[in-house]
Amino acid sequence: MRTLINSLFAFAAVALVTSCNSKKKPNYQYFPNMYESVAYEAYSAHDIFSENDNSEALKPVDGTVHRGWLPYDYENSPKGYAKAKASLKNPIQYTKENEATGMQLYTIYCAICHGDKGNGKGTLVKREKILGVPSYDDVGRAITEGSIYHVMYWGINSMGSYASQTSIEERWQIVQYVQSLKAKLEGKTPRIDKAALVAINNEEAILGQQNVIRLSDEADLDHDGTMETHNDDGDGEKEKVSHSKKDLLGGKSHHSHKEAGKK
């Protein structure tokens, strides 16, 4: 009888555990906040965020800007365009390096419409997808550094803004290249700043001096690639050192000693 009762209790316990157990949902949750956290929608309002105007997202401190960005003070209007055209100047130096970078960026973003030469005959214009693209030497528009930058920043007519695709420095590098295309269309020499020319001339001068030194070293060698050195050791002996011209110029030397005057 006792065995039967024990068996019934065991069966009831197993049945109870089995009926409460579920693979999809646990029976009991300890520290339920770890399983079912409170989720807030981005920028939603809740009383718990009363110190942040009840907004879930923290707002930046007033007057702050993200790294690498500066505010643009010329508004997107005809008045802003005219102001930028008249007063906004390129802050970067006109160098060959900046011009080369500007050419690469221009090829990516601008040449498809404005053309590789800046004459307004890009691929989309030739296919008549876009019409009315002016040449950079258009007298009526008389583009300037400021107007070029302003149009890239805000866009104009069918041209959209490129402020999100390019950085401030990249836009000014494009400005330099556009100005160089404009100068070529007008038959002028593209601008390169004097300081940049001085640096180029200094570099060329250094290379020239290195070439002179190299040629001078070659001239010191005999036609057969040997050079004689004299050592007075009291015996009237001469030491003839044979140098390979190629080894000398490469920073190496090979010595073969021949004694002369001994009998």
Protein backbone atom coordinates (compact mmCIF):
# COMPACT_ATOMS: atom_id res chain seq x y z
CA MET A 1 0.00 0.00 0.00
CA ARG A 2 2.81 2.41 0.91
CA THR A 3 4.55 1.63 -2.38
CA LEU A 4 1.37 2.45 -4.27
CA ILE A 5 0.97 5.78 -2.47
CA ASN A 6 4.60 6.72 -3.14
CA SER A 7 4.16 5.86 -6.79
CA LEU A 8 1.05 8.04 -7.03
CA PHE A 9 2.88 10.99 -5.44
CA ALA A 10 5.81 10.57 -7.81
CA PHE A 11 3.51 10.41 -10.82
CA ALA A 12 1.64 13.54 -9.65
CA ALA A 13 4.93 15.45 -9.19
CA VAL A 14 6.17 14.50 -12.65
CA ALA A 15 2.83 15.44 -14.20
CA LEU A 16 2.83 18.79 -12.40
CA VAL A 17 6.38 19.62 -13.52
CA THR A 18 5.69 18.51 -17.09
CA SER A 19 2.47 20.55 -17.33
CA CYS A 20 4.21 23.73 -16.13
CA ASN A 21 7.32 23.31 -18.24
CA SER A 22 7.43 25.04 -21.64
CA LYS A 23 10.38 25.29 -24.02
CA LYS A 24 8.99 28.53 -25.47
CA LYS A 25 8.52 30.32 -22.15
CA PRO A 26 10.33 29.71 -18.85
CA ASN A 27 8.33 28.82 -15.78
CA TYR A 28 9.77 31.51 -13.54
CA GLN A 29 11.84 34.61 -14.23
CA TYR A 30 14.32 35.86 -11.69
CA PHE A 31 15.18 39.53 -12.17
CA PRO A 32 12.79 39.94 -15.10
CA ASN A 33 14.33 43.32 -16.04
CA MET A 34 17.26 41.38 -17.46
CA TYR A 35 14.92 39.55 -19.84
CA GLU A 36 12.24 42.11 -20.56
CA SER A 37 13.88 45.53 -20.54
CA VAL A 38 11.88 48.68 -21.12
CA ALA A 39 12.34 49.82 -24.71
CA TYR A 40 11.88 53.45 -25.71
CA GLU A 41 11.38 54.64 -29.26
CA ALA A 42 14.04 57.02 -30.51
CA TYR A 43 13.21 60.66 -29.79
CA SER A 44 10.01 59.64 -27.95
CA ALA A 45 8.82 61.64 -24.94
CA HIS A 46 8.64 60.15 -21.42
CA ASP A 47 8.37 61.68 -17.98
CA ILE A 48 11.46 59.77 -16.86
CA PHE A 49 13.56 62.03 -19.10
CA SER A 50 12.29 65.24 -17.56
CA GLU A 51 15.80 66.71 -17.38
CA ASN A 52 16.09 66.43 -21.17
CA ASP A 53 12.74 68.02 -22.11
CA ASN A 54 11.14 64.56 -21.73
CA SER A 55 13.02 63.43 -24.88
CA GLU A 56 14.65 60.00 -25.01
CA ALA A 57 17.60 61.24 -27.11
CA LEU A 58 20.22 63.51 -25.61
CA LYS A 59 20.63 66.77 -27.46
CA PRO A 60 24.07 68.32 -28.09
CA VAL A 61 25.10 71.41 -26.19
CA ASP A 62 23.94 74.59 -27.89
CA GLY A 63 26.50 76.03 -30.28
CA THR A 64 28.51 72.82 -30.72
CA VAL A 65 29.40 71.37 -34.14
CA HIS A 66 30.84 67.99 -35.05
CA ARG A 67 34.53 67.59 -35.76
CA GLY A 68 35.69 68.74 -39.20
CA TRP A 69 32.58 70.82 -39.92
CA LEU A 70 32.17 74.58 -39.91
CA PRO A 71 28.94 76.52 -40.35
CA TYR A 72 28.33 78.08 -43.75
CA ASP A 73 27.15 81.64 -43.32
CA TYR A 74 25.78 82.22 -46.83
CA GLU A 75 22.08 81.44 -47.13
CA ASN A 76 20.51 79.51 -49.98
CA SER A 77 19.01 82.47 -51.83
CA PRO A 78 19.88 84.84 -54.69
CA LYS A 79 21.11 87.29 -52.08
CA GLY A 80 23.32 84.65 -50.46
CA TYR A 81 24.66 83.62 -53.87
CA ALA A 82 25.54 87.20 -54.79
CA LYS A 83 27.25 87.74 -51.43
CA ALA A 84 29.31 84.55 -51.75
CA LYS A 85 30.23 85.40 -55.34
CA ALA A 86 31.53 88.81 -54.34
CA SER A 87 33.29 88.09 -51.03
CA LEU A 88 33.94 84.38 -50.45
CA LYS A 89 37.56 83.40 -51.16
CA ASN A 90 39.37 80.08 -51.36
CA PRO A 91 41.26 79.61 -48.05
CA ILE A 92 43.59 76.84 -49.29
CA GLN A 93 46.82 77.43 -51.18
CA TYR A 94 46.81 76.92 -54.94
CA THR A 95 49.34 74.10 -55.33
CA LYS A 96 49.92 71.36 -57.88
CA GLU A 97 48.92 68.79 -55.28
CA ASN A 98 45.58 70.47 -54.54
CA GLU A 99 44.94 70.89 -58.25
CA ALA A 100 45.60 67.17 -58.85
CA THR A 101 43.23 66.19 -56.04
CA GLY A 102 40.65 68.65 -57.35
CA MET A 103 40.90 67.06 -60.80
CA GLN A 104 40.17 63.61 -59.36
CA LEU A 105 37.15 64.88 -57.44
CA TYR A 106 35.95 66.88 -60.44
CA THR A 107 36.10 63.75 -62.60
CA ILE A 108 33.97 61.89 -60.07
CA TYR A 109 31.29 64.49 -59.38
CA CYS A 110 31.32 67.17 -62.09
CA ALA A 111 32.67 65.97 -65.45
CA ILE A 112 29.58 63.90 -66.27
CA CYS A 113 27.67 67.16 -66.85
CA HIS A 114 30.25 69.95 -67.18
CA GLY A 115 32.69 67.97 -69.34
CA ASP A 116 36.34 67.12 -68.83
CA LYS A 117 37.35 70.56 -70.17
CA GLY A 118 34.67 72.51 -68.32
CA ASN A 119 32.98 73.56 -71.56
CA GLY A 120 29.54 72.27 -70.54
CA LYS A 121 29.68 69.27 -72.89
CA GLY A 122 29.64 66.35 -70.54
CA THR A 123 28.31 62.88 -71.30
CA LEU A 124 24.79 63.61 -70.05
CA VAL A 125 24.66 66.81 -72.10
CA LYS A 126 25.77 64.99 -75.25
CA ARG A 127 23.03 62.42 -74.65
CA GLU A 128 20.56 65.28 -74.11
CA LYS A 129 19.68 64.05 -70.63
CA ILE A 130 20.52 67.50 -69.24
CA LEU A 131 20.50 70.73 -71.24
CA GLY A 132 21.67 74.26 -70.61
CA VAL A 133 24.96 73.49 -68.80
CA PRO A 134 27.12 76.60 -69.30
CA SER A 135 30.82 76.71 -70.05
CA TYR A 136 33.07 77.97 -67.27
CA ASP A 137 34.23 80.87 -69.44
CA ASP A 138 30.68 82.12 -69.92
CA VAL A 139 31.01 85.90 -69.63
CA GLY A 140 27.41 86.29 -68.51
CA ARG A 141 27.92 84.15 -65.43
CA ALA A 142 31.48 85.28 -64.64
CA ILE A 143 31.98 82.58 -62.02
CA THR A 144 34.26 83.20 -59.02
CA GLU A 145 35.71 81.08 -56.24
CA GLY A 146 32.80 82.02 -54.00
CA SER A 147 30.07 81.31 -56.57
CA ILE A 148 31.57 77.90 -57.42
CA TYR A 149 31.70 76.88 -53.76
CA HIS A 150 28.21 78.23 -53.05
CA VAL A 151 26.69 76.24 -55.90
CA MET A 152 28.43 73.05 -54.76
CA TYR A 153 27.19 73.62 -51.21
CA TRP A 154 23.55 74.44 -51.95
CA GLY A 155 23.05 73.35 -55.56
CA ILE A 156 21.35 75.43 -58.23
CA ASN A 157 18.62 74.75 -60.80
CA SER A 158 18.91 71.08 -61.87
CA MET A 159 22.24 70.65 -60.07
CA GLY A 160 21.92 69.21 -56.58
CA SER A 161 24.03 69.90 -53.51
CA TYR A 162 27.32 68.09 -53.00
CA ALA A 163 27.77 69.15 -49.38
CA SER A 164 27.11 65.62 -48.11
CA GLN A 165 29.44 63.90 -50.58
CA THR A 166 32.47 66.15 -50.12
CA SER A 167 34.32 67.78 -47.26
CA ILE A 168 35.08 71.49 -46.96
CA GLU A 169 38.68 71.01 -48.15
CA GLU A 170 37.60 68.81 -51.06
CA ARG A 171 35.13 71.41 -52.28
CA TRP A 172 37.83 74.09 -52.25
CA GLN A 173 40.16 71.76 -54.15
CA ILE A 174 37.45 71.34 -56.77
CA VAL A 175 37.15 75.14 -56.87
CA GLN A 176 40.85 75.42 -57.71
CA TYR A 177 40.53 72.89 -60.52
CA VAL A 178 37.42 74.58 -61.94
CA GLN A 179 39.33 77.85 -61.90
CA SER A 180 42.19 76.20 -63.79
CA LEU A 181 39.75 74.91 -66.44
CA LYS A 182 38.26 78.38 -66.72
CA ALA A 183 41.73 79.90 -67.22
CA LYS A 184 42.56 77.40 -69.97
CA LEU A 185 39.29 78.10 -71.77
CA GLU A 186 40.16 81.81 -71.65
CA GLY A 187 43.69 81.17 -72.92
CA LYS A 188 45.31 82.03 -69.60
CA THR A 189 47.79 80.26 -67.34
CA PRO A 190 46.17 78.52 -64.34
CA ARG A 191 47.03 80.08 -61.01
CA ILE A 192 49.72 78.55 -58.79
CA ASP A 193 50.62 80.51 -55.67
CA LYS A 194 54.12 82.02 -55.40
CA ALA A 195 54.98 80.08 -52.23
CA ALA A 196 54.11 76.85 -54.02
CA LEU A 197 56.33 77.82 -56.96
CA VAL A 198 59.21 78.57 -54.59
CA ALA A 199 58.83 75.10 -53.06
CA ILE A 200 58.82 73.50 -56.52
CA ASN A 201 61.89 75.49 -57.58
CA ASN A 202 63.72 74.54 -54.38
CA GLU A 203 62.95 70.88 -54.97
CA GLU A 204 64.19 71.12 -58.56
CA ALA A 205 67.34 72.91 -57.39
CA ILE A 206 68.08 70.14 -54.87
CA LEU A 207 67.62 67.49 -57.55
CA GLY A 208 69.88 69.50 -59.87
CA GLN A 209 72.61 69.68 -57.23
CA GLN A 210 72.39 65.94 -56.68
CA ASN A 211 72.83 65.36 -60.40
CA VAL A 212 75.85 67.71 -60.49
CA ILE A 213 77.49 65.86 -57.60
CA ARG A 214 76.81 62.52 -59.26
CA LEU A 215 78.31 63.71 -62.57
CA SER A 216 81.28 65.21 -60.72
CA ASP A 217 81.95 61.85 -59.06
CA GLU A 218 81.86 60.17 -62.45
CA ALA A 219 84.34 62.70 -63.86
CA ASP A 220 86.87 61.86 -61.13
CA LEU A 221 87.13 58.33 -62.48
CA ASP A 222 89.40 57.33 -65.34
CA HIS A 223 87.85 56.20 -68.55
CA ASP A 224 88.60 52.60 -67.60
CA GLY A 225 86.97 53.06 -64.22
CA THR A 226 90.16 53.26 -62.15
CA MET A 227 91.44 55.94 -59.83
CA GLU A 228 94.95 56.21 -58.52
CA THR A 229 95.80 57.12 -54.92
CA HIS A 230 99.32 57.82 -53.67
CA ASN A 231 100.60 56.79 -50.30
CA ASP A 232 104.04 57.92 -49.12
CA ASP A 233 105.16 55.21 -46.74
CA GLY A 234 108.86 55.99 -47.04
CA ASP A 235 109.53 53.29 -49.62
CA GLY A 236 108.35 55.32 -52.58
CA GLU A 237 105.56 52.86 -53.18
CA LYS A 238 102.39 53.70 -55.03
CA GLU A 239 99.07 52.12 -54.35
CA LYS A 240 96.79 51.71 -57.31
CA VAL A 241 93.19 51.18 -56.37
CA SER A 242 90.77 49.86 -58.95
CA HIS A 243 87.21 51.11 -58.53
CA SER A 244 84.23 49.87 -60.40
CA LYS A 245 82.33 52.95 -61.57
CA LYS A 246 79.00 51.19 -61.01
CA ASP A 247 80.03 50.14 -57.50
CA LEU A 248 81.20 53.64 -56.60
CA LEU A 249 77.94 55.23 -57.68
CA GLY A 250 76.10 52.55 -55.77
CA GLY A 251 78.02 53.26 -52.58
CA LYS A 252 80.34 50.26 -52.89
CA SER A 253 84.06 49.95 -53.64
CA HIS A 254 86.34 47.14 -54.62
CA HIS A 255 90.10 47.46 -54.00
CA SER A 256 92.81 45.55 -55.82
CA HIS A 257 96.29 46.53 -54.72
CA LYS A 258 99.21 46.47 -57.10
CA GLU A 259 102.65 47.30 -55.91
CA ALA A 260 104.90 49.28 -58.18
CA GLY A 261 108.58 50.18 -57.86
CA LYS A 262 109.62 46.96 -56.16
CA LYS A 263 112.22 44.85 -57.83
